[in-house]
Amino acid sequence: ADLILITHEHTDHNQSDIAAQKRHCLIIR
């Protein structure tokens, strides 16, 4: 991933660690 977007913090929406990520990946919550 270059970018991961999280719409809210319920468990069924926010498991960003399951996605492979590039070093510069930005996570927006």
PDB file of all heavy atoms in Angstrom:
ATOM      1  N   ALA A   1       0.812  -1.208   0.000  1.00  0.00           N
ATOM      2  CA  ALA A   1       0.000   0.000   0.000  1.00  0.00           C
ATOM      3  C   ALA A   1       0.849   1.263   0.000  1.00  0.00           C
ATOM      4  O   ALA A   1       1.857   1.359   0.701  1.00  0.00           O
ATOM      5  CB  ALA A   1      -0.908   0.007   1.219  1.00  0.00           C
ATOM      6  N   ASP A   2       0.397   2.244  -0.781  1.00  0.00           N
ATOM      7  CA  ASP A   2       0.902   3.611  -0.683  1.00  0.00           C
ATOM      8  C   ASP A   2       0.056   4.414   0.297  1.00  0.00           C
ATOM      9  O   ASP A   2       0.544   5.358   0.913  1.00  0.00           O
ATOM     10  CB  ASP A   2       0.843   4.293  -2.052  1.00  0.00           C
ATOM     11  CG  ASP A   2       1.756   3.636  -3.067  1.00  0.00           C
ATOM     12  OD1 ASP A   2       2.972   3.893  -3.004  1.00  0.00           O
ATOM     13  OD2 ASP A   2       1.262   2.862  -3.903  1.00  0.00           O
ATOM     14  N   LEU A   3      -1.217   4.019   0.418  1.00  0.00           N
ATOM     15  CA  LEU A   3      -2.178   4.775   1.210  1.00  0.00           C
ATOM     16  C   LEU A   3      -3.217   3.829   1.786  1.00  0.00           C
ATOM     17  O   LEU A   3      -3.704   2.934   1.084  1.00  0.00           O
ATOM     18  CB  LEU A   3      -2.870   5.815   0.315  1.00  0.00           C
ATOM     19  CG  LEU A   3      -4.018   6.632   0.888  1.00  0.00           C
ATOM     20  CD1 LEU A   3      -3.543   7.520   2.026  1.00  0.00           C
ATOM     21  CD2 LEU A   3      -4.649   7.476  -0.217  1.00  0.00           C
ATOM     22  N   ILE A   4      -3.537   4.006   3.059  1.00  0.00           N
ATOM     23  CA  ILE A   4      -4.610   3.250   3.702  1.00  0.00           C
ATOM     24  C   ILE A   4      -5.562   4.252   4.347  1.00  0.00           C
ATOM     25  O   ILE A   4      -5.133   5.137   5.097  1.00  0.00           O
ATOM     26  CB  ILE A   4      -4.065   2.272   4.761  1.00  0.00           C
ATOM     27  CG1 ILE A   4      -3.164   1.230   4.098  1.00  0.00           C
ATOM     28  CG2 ILE A   4      -5.212   1.587   5.510  1.00  0.00           C
ATOM     29  CD1 ILE A   4      -2.464   0.293   5.065  1.00  0.00           C
ATOM     30  N   LEU A   5      -6.832   4.120   4.038  1.00  0.00           N
ATOM     31  CA  LEU A   5      -7.864   5.009   4.577  1.00  0.00           C
ATOM     32  C   LEU A   5      -8.758   4.224   5.524  1.00  0.00           C
ATOM     33  O   LEU A   5      -9.283   3.168   5.160  1.00  0.00           O
ATOM     34  CB  LEU A   5      -8.705   5.609   3.456  1.00  0.00           C
ATOM     35  CG  LEU A   5      -7.948   6.442   2.415  1.00  0.00           C
ATOM     36  CD1 LEU A   5      -8.888   6.863   1.298  1.00  0.00           C
ATOM     37  CD2 LEU A   5      -7.285   7.648   3.052  1.00  0.00           C
ATOM     38  N   ILE A   6      -8.953   4.758   6.716  1.00  0.00           N
ATOM     39  CA  ILE A   6      -9.807   4.141   7.732  1.00  0.00           C
ATOM     40  C   ILE A   6     -10.975   5.090   7.992  1.00  0.00           C
ATOM     41  O   ILE A   6     -10.761   6.250   8.368  1.00  0.00           O
ATOM     42  CB  ILE A   6      -9.036   3.905   9.052  1.00  0.00           C
ATOM     43  CG1 ILE A   6      -7.734   3.126   8.806  1.00  0.00           C
ATOM     44  CG2 ILE A   6      -9.924   3.250  10.095  1.00  0.00           C
ATOM     45  CD1 ILE A   6      -7.911   1.708   8.377  1.00  0.00           C
ATOM     46  N   THR A   7     -12.205   4.613   7.821  1.00  0.00           N
ATOM     47  CA  THR A   7     -13.368   5.480   8.005  1.00  0.00           C
ATOM     48  C   THR A   7     -13.746   5.664   9.469  1.00  0.00           C
ATOM     49  O   THR A   7     -14.280   6.703   9.847  1.00  0.00           O
ATOM     50  CB  THR A   7     -14.591   4.954   7.241  1.00  0.00           C
ATOM     51  OG1 THR A   7     -14.938   3.646   7.736  1.00  0.00           O
ATOM     52  CG2 THR A   7     -14.338   4.895   5.750  1.00  0.00           C
ATOM     53  N   HIS A   8     -13.474   4.642  10.303  1.00  0.00           N
ATOM     54  CA  HIS A   8     -13.742   4.732  11.735  1.00  0.00           C
ATOM     55  C   HIS A   8     -13.061   3.560  12.434  1.00  0.00           C
ATOM     56  O   HIS A   8     -12.545   2.660  11.776  1.00  0.00           O
ATOM     57  CB  HIS A   8     -15.242   4.786  12.034  1.00  0.00           C
ATOM     58  CG  HIS A   8     -15.999   3.565  11.617  1.00  0.00           C
ATOM     59  ND1 HIS A   8     -16.215   3.219  10.302  1.00  0.00           N
ATOM     60  CD2 HIS A   8     -16.603   2.595  12.350  1.00  0.00           C
ATOM     61  CE1 HIS A   8     -16.916   2.107  10.243  1.00  0.00           C
ATOM     62  NE2 HIS A   8     -17.154   1.698  11.479  1.00  0.00           N
ATOM     63  N   GLU A   9     -13.091   3.585  13.753  1.00  0.00           N
ATOM     64  CA  GLU A   9     -12.263   2.652  14.507  1.00  0.00           C
ATOM     65  C   GLU A   9     -12.960   1.361  14.946  1.00  0.00           C
ATOM     66  O   GLU A   9     -12.438   0.654  15.801  1.00  0.00           O
ATOM     67  CB  GLU A   9     -11.659   3.363  15.726  1.00  0.00           C
ATOM     68  CG  GLU A   9     -10.693   4.484  15.353  1.00  0.00           C
ATOM     69  CD  GLU A   9      -9.489   4.018  14.551  1.00  0.00           C
ATOM     70  OE1 GLU A   9      -9.107   2.835  14.664  1.00  0.00           O
ATOM     71  OE2 GLU A   9      -8.931   4.836  13.787  1.00  0.00           O
ATOM     72  N   HIS A  10     -14.111   1.020  14.374  1.00  0.00           N
ATOM     73  CA  HIS A  10     -14.695  -0.287  14.669  1.00  0.00           C
ATOM     74  C   HIS A  10     -13.793  -1.371  14.086  1.00  0.00           C
ATOM     75  O   HIS A  10     -13.197  -1.202  13.013  1.00  0.00           O
ATOM     76  CB  HIS A  10     -16.108  -0.388  14.093  1.00  0.00           C
ATOM     77  CG  HIS A  10     -17.106   0.433  14.850  1.00  0.00           C
ATOM     78  ND1 HIS A  10     -18.425   0.535  14.471  1.00  0.00           N
ATOM     79  CD2 HIS A  10     -16.991   1.177  15.977  1.00  0.00           C
ATOM     80  CE1 HIS A  10     -19.070   1.307  15.336  1.00  0.00           C
ATOM     81  NE2 HIS A  10     -18.221   1.716  16.250  1.00  0.00           N
ATOM     82  N   THR A  11     -13.709  -2.474  14.783  1.00  0.00           N
ATOM     83  CA  THR A  11     -12.763  -3.533  14.428  1.00  0.00           C
ATOM     84  C   THR A  11     -12.899  -4.009  12.982  1.00  0.00           C
ATOM     85  O   THR A  11     -11.902  -4.346  12.343  1.00  0.00           O
ATOM     86  CB  THR A  11     -12.956  -4.749  15.372  1.00  0.00           C
ATOM     87  OG1 THR A  11     -12.828  -4.285  16.715  1.00  0.00           O
ATOM     88  CG2 THR A  11     -11.922  -5.818  15.111  1.00  0.00           C
ATOM     89  N   ASP A  12     -14.115  -4.015  12.454  1.00  0.00           N
ATOM     90  CA  ASP A  12     -14.326  -4.530  11.103  1.00  0.00           C
ATOM     91  C   ASP A  12     -14.001  -3.501  10.015  1.00  0.00           C
ATOM     92  O   ASP A  12     -14.397  -3.672   8.861  1.00  0.00           O
ATOM     93  CB  ASP A  12     -15.753  -5.052  10.936  1.00  0.00           C
ATOM     94  CG  ASP A  12     -16.820  -3.992  11.146  1.00  0.00           C
ATOM     95  OD1 ASP A  12     -16.583  -3.032  11.904  1.00  0.00           O
ATOM     96  OD2 ASP A  12     -17.907  -4.129  10.550  1.00  0.00           O
ATOM     97  N   HIS A  13     -13.258  -2.464  10.375  1.00  0.00           N
ATOM     98  CA  HIS A  13     -12.863  -1.440   9.398  1.00  0.00           C
ATOM     99  C   HIS A  13     -11.417  -0.996   9.544  1.00  0.00           C
ATOM    100  O   HIS A  13     -10.942  -0.240   8.706  1.00  0.00           O
ATOM    101  CB  HIS A  13     -13.761  -0.201   9.530  1.00  0.00           C
ATOM    102  CG  HIS A  13     -15.166  -0.443   9.101  1.00  0.00           C
ATOM    103  ND1 HIS A  13     -15.665  -0.040   7.877  1.00  0.00           N
ATOM    104  CD2 HIS A  13     -16.192  -1.065   9.727  1.00  0.00           C
ATOM    105  CE1 HIS A  13     -16.936  -0.407   7.782  1.00  0.00           C
ATOM    106  NE2 HIS A  13     -17.273  -1.030   8.893  1.00  0.00           N
ATOM    107  N   ASN A  14     -10.708  -1.406  10.570  1.00  0.00           N
ATOM    108  CA  ASN A  14      -9.455  -0.727  10.875  1.00  0.00           C
ATOM    109  C   ASN A  14      -8.234  -1.633  11.051  1.00  0.00           C
ATOM    110  O   ASN A  14      -7.323  -1.291  11.794  1.00  0.00           O
ATOM    111  CB  ASN A  14      -9.636   0.131  12.125  1.00  0.00           C
ATOM    112  CG  ASN A  14      -9.750  -0.691  13.393  1.00  0.00           C
ATOM    113  OD1 ASN A  14      -9.768  -1.911  13.349  1.00  0.00           O
ATOM    114  ND2 ASN A  14      -9.797  -0.025  14.532  1.00  0.00           N
ATOM    115  N   GLN A  15      -8.193  -2.746  10.346  1.00  0.00           N
ATOM    116  CA  GLN A  15      -7.060  -3.674  10.511  1.00  0.00           C
ATOM    117  C   GLN A  15      -5.955  -3.375   9.500  1.00  0.00           C
ATOM    118  O   GLN A  15      -5.640  -4.178   8.621  1.00  0.00           O
ATOM    119  CB  GLN A  15      -7.557  -5.111  10.368  1.00  0.00           C
ATOM    120  CG  GLN A  15      -8.692  -5.464  11.306  1.00  0.00           C
ATOM    121  CD  GLN A  15      -8.306  -5.294  12.763  1.00  0.00           C
ATOM    122  OE1 GLN A  15      -7.296  -5.822  13.206  1.00  0.00           O
ATOM    123  NE2 GLN A  15      -9.111  -4.554  13.511  1.00  0.00           N
ATOM    124  N   SER A  16      -5.345  -2.201   9.640  1.00  0.00           N
ATOM    125  CA  SER A  16      -4.369  -1.762   8.648  1.00  0.00           C
ATOM    126  C   SER A  16      -3.153  -2.674   8.575  1.00  0.00           C
ATOM    127  O   SER A  16      -2.490  -2.759   7.536  1.00  0.00           O
ATOM    128  CB  SER A  16      -3.917  -0.331   8.941  1.00  0.00           C
ATOM    129  OG  SER A  16      -3.359  -0.227  10.226  1.00  0.00           O
ATOM    130  N   ASP A  17      -2.857  -3.400   9.652  1.00  0.00           N
ATOM    131  CA  ASP A  17      -1.649  -4.232   9.663  1.00  0.00           C
ATOM    132  C   ASP A  17      -1.759  -5.484   8.809  1.00  0.00           C
ATOM    133  O   ASP A  17      -0.758  -6.162   8.585  1.00  0.00           O
ATOM    134  CB  ASP A  17      -1.281  -4.610  11.101  1.00  0.00           C
ATOM    135  CG  ASP A  17      -2.376  -5.374  11.830  1.00  0.00           C
ATOM    136  OD1 ASP A  17      -3.535  -5.362  11.361  1.00  0.00           O
ATOM    137  OD2 ASP A  17      -2.081  -5.984  12.868  1.00  0.00           O
ATOM    138  N   ILE A  18      -2.946  -5.806   8.290  1.00  0.00           N
ATOM    139  CA  ILE A  18      -3.052  -6.993   7.432  1.00  0.00           C
ATOM    140  C   ILE A  18      -2.603  -6.695   6.004  1.00  0.00           C
ATOM    141  O   ILE A  18      -2.374  -7.609   5.224  1.00  0.00           O
ATOM    142  CB  ILE A  18      -4.473  -7.606   7.417  1.00  0.00           C
ATOM    143  CG1 ILE A  18      -5.493  -6.688   6.731  1.00  0.00           C
ATOM    144  CG2 ILE A  18      -4.913  -7.970   8.817  1.00  0.00           C
ATOM    145  CD1 ILE A  18      -6.843  -7.352   6.518  1.00  0.00           C
ATOM    146  N   ALA A  19      -2.488  -5.413   5.649  1.00  0.00           N
ATOM    147  CA  ALA A  19      -2.104  -5.047   4.290  1.00  0.00           C
ATOM    148  C   ALA A  19      -0.601  -4.847   4.207  1.00  0.00           C
ATOM    149  O   ALA A  19       0.008  -4.214   5.069  1.00  0.00           O
ATOM    150  CB  ALA A  19      -2.817  -3.761   3.873  1.00  0.00           C
ATOM    151  N   ALA A  20      -0.011  -5.381   3.155  1.00  0.00           N
ATOM    152  CA  ALA A  20       1.396  -5.079   2.887  1.00  0.00           C
ATOM    153  C   ALA A  20       1.519  -3.574   2.678  1.00  0.00           C
ATOM    154  O   ALA A  20       0.631  -2.941   2.116  1.00  0.00           O
ATOM    155  CB  ALA A  20       1.857  -5.833   1.644  1.00  0.00           C
ATOM    156  N   GLN A  21       2.626  -2.993   3.156  1.00  0.00           N
ATOM    157  CA  GLN A  21       2.780  -1.546   3.086  1.00  0.00           C
ATOM    158  C   GLN A  21       4.160  -1.167   2.581  1.00  0.00           C
ATOM    159  O   GLN A  21       5.160  -1.773   2.962  1.00  0.00           O
ATOM    160  CB  GLN A  21       2.567  -0.925   4.473  1.00  0.00           C
ATOM    161  CG  GLN A  21       1.198  -1.177   5.048  1.00  0.00           C
ATOM    162  CD  GLN A  21       1.049  -0.654   6.470  1.00  0.00           C
ATOM    163  OE1 GLN A  21       1.726   0.288   6.863  1.00  0.00           O
ATOM    164  NE2 GLN A  21       0.170  -1.272   7.242  1.00  0.00           N
ATOM    165  N   LYS A  22       4.201  -0.143   1.737  1.00  0.00           N
ATOM    166  CA  LYS A  22       5.480   0.424   1.330  1.00  0.00           C
ATOM    167  C   LYS A  22       6.037   1.242   2.494  1.00  0.00           C
ATOM    168  O   LYS A  22       5.302   1.628   3.404  1.00  0.00           O
ATOM    169  CB  LYS A  22       5.291   1.292   0.091  1.00  0.00           C
ATOM    170  CG  LYS A  22       4.875   0.481  -1.130  1.00  0.00           C
ATOM    171  CD  LYS A  22       4.717   1.349  -2.351  1.00  0.00           C
ATOM    172  CE  LYS A  22       4.258   0.501  -3.539  1.00  0.00           C
ATOM    173  NZ  LYS A  22       3.921   1.318  -4.714  1.00  0.00           N
ATOM    174  N   ARG A  23       7.314   1.503   2.461  1.00  0.00           N
ATOM    175  CA  ARG A  23       7.961   2.218   3.562  1.00  0.00           C
ATOM    176  C   ARG A  23       7.317   3.587   3.804  1.00  0.00           C
ATOM    177  O   ARG A  23       7.196   4.042   4.934  1.00  0.00           O
ATOM    178  CB  ARG A  23       9.445   2.384   3.258  1.00  0.00           C
ATOM    179  CG  ARG A  23      10.217   2.983   4.425  1.00  0.00           C
ATOM    180  CD  ARG A  23      11.665   3.230   4.100  1.00  0.00           C
ATOM    181  NE  ARG A  23      12.288   2.104   3.434  1.00  0.00           N
ATOM    182  CZ  ARG A  23      13.500   2.131   2.898  1.00  0.00           C
ATOM    183  NH1 ARG A  23      14.221   3.231   2.965  1.00  0.00           N
ATOM    184  NH2 ARG A  23      14.004   1.072   2.312  1.00  0.00           N
ATOM    185  N   HIS A  24       6.905   4.249   2.737  1.00  0.00           N
ATOM    186  CA  HIS A  24       6.331   5.590   2.853  1.00  0.00           C
ATOM    187  C   HIS A  24       4.802   5.572   2.975  1.00  0.00           C
ATOM    188  O   HIS A  24       4.162   6.613   2.847  1.00  0.00           O
ATOM    189  CB  HIS A  24       6.733   6.435   1.636  1.00  0.00           C
ATOM    190  CG  HIS A  24       6.157   5.901   0.349  1.00  0.00           C
ATOM    191  ND1 HIS A  24       6.812   4.965  -0.413  1.00  0.00           N
ATOM    192  CD2 HIS A  24       4.999   6.153  -0.287  1.00  0.00           C
ATOM    193  CE1 HIS A  24       6.073   4.672  -1.477  1.00  0.00           C
ATOM    194  NE2 HIS A  24       4.966   5.383  -1.424  1.00  0.00           N
ATOM    195  N   CYS A  25       4.207   4.414   3.210  1.00  0.00           N
ATOM    196  CA  CYS A  25       2.746   4.298   3.260  1.00  0.00           C
ATOM    197  C   CYS A  25       2.154   5.278   4.276  1.00  0.00           C
ATOM    198  O   CYS A  25       2.608   5.364   5.417  1.00  0.00           O
ATOM    199  CB  CYS A  25       2.342   2.868   3.626  1.00  0.00           C
ATOM    200  SG  CYS A  25       0.559   2.632   3.780  1.00  0.00           S
ATOM    201  N   LEU A  26       1.125   5.996   3.841  1.00  0.00           N
ATOM    202  CA  LEU A  26       0.413   6.929   4.704  1.00  0.00           C
ATOM    203  C   LEU A  26      -0.894   6.292   5.153  1.00  0.00           C
ATOM    204  O   LEU A  26      -1.656   5.785   4.316  1.00  0.00           O
ATOM    205  CB  LEU A  26       0.128   8.228   3.956  1.00  0.00           C
ATOM    206  CG  LEU A  26      -0.695   9.290   4.698  1.00  0.00           C
ATOM    207  CD1 LEU A  26       0.055   9.784   5.934  1.00  0.00           C
ATOM    208  CD2 LEU A  26      -1.027  10.443   3.763  1.00  0.00           C
ATOM    209  N   ILE A  27      -1.152   6.302   6.438  1.00  0.00           N
ATOM    210  CA  ILE A  27      -2.418   5.801   6.976  1.00  0.00           C
ATOM    211  C   ILE A  27      -3.211   6.995   7.492  1.00  0.00           C
ATOM    212  O   ILE A  27      -2.734   7.746   8.352  1.00  0.00           O
ATOM    213  CB  ILE A  27      -2.189   4.778   8.102  1.00  0.00           C
ATOM    214  CG1 ILE A  27      -1.410   3.577   7.572  1.00  0.00           C
ATOM    215  CG2 ILE A  27      -3.533   4.319   8.687  1.00  0.00           C
ATOM    216  CD1 ILE A  27      -1.017   2.563   8.632  1.00  0.00           C
ATOM    217  N   ILE A  28      -4.396   7.191   6.932  1.00  0.00           N
ATOM    218  CA  ILE A  28      -5.274   8.283   7.354  1.00  0.00           C
ATOM    219  C   ILE A  28      -6.468   7.666   8.067  1.00  0.00           C
ATOM    220  O   ILE A  28      -7.194   6.845   7.497  1.00  0.00           O
ATOM    221  CB  ILE A  28      -5.737   9.126   6.154  1.00  0.00           C
ATOM    222  CG1 ILE A  28      -4.528   9.773   5.466  1.00  0.00           C
ATOM    223  CG2 ILE A  28      -6.742  10.197   6.610  1.00  0.00           C
ATOM    224  CD1 ILE A  28      -4.864  10.505   4.183  1.00  0.00           C
ATOM    225  N   ARG A  29      -6.654   8.060   9.304  1.00  0.00           N
ATOM    226  CA  ARG A  29      -7.760   7.567  10.129  1.00  0.00           C
ATOM    227  C   ARG A  29      -8.806   8.674  10.259  1.00  0.00           C
ATOM    228  O   ARG A  29      -8.552   9.837   9.922  1.00  0.00           O
ATOM    229  CB  ARG A  29      -7.237   7.155  11.494  1.00  0.00           C
ATOM    230  CG  ARG A  29      -6.012   6.259  11.448  1.00  0.00           C
ATOM    231  CD  ARG A  29      -5.573   5.798  12.811  1.00  0.00           C
ATOM    232  NE  ARG A  29      -6.236   4.548  13.143  1.00  0.00           N
ATOM    233  CZ  ARG A  29      -5.802   3.345  12.764  1.00  0.00           C
ATOM    234  NH1 ARG A  29      -4.699   3.219  12.063  1.00  0.00           N
ATOM    235  NH2 ARG A  29      -6.456   2.263  13.093  1.00  0.00           N
TER     236      ARG A  29
END
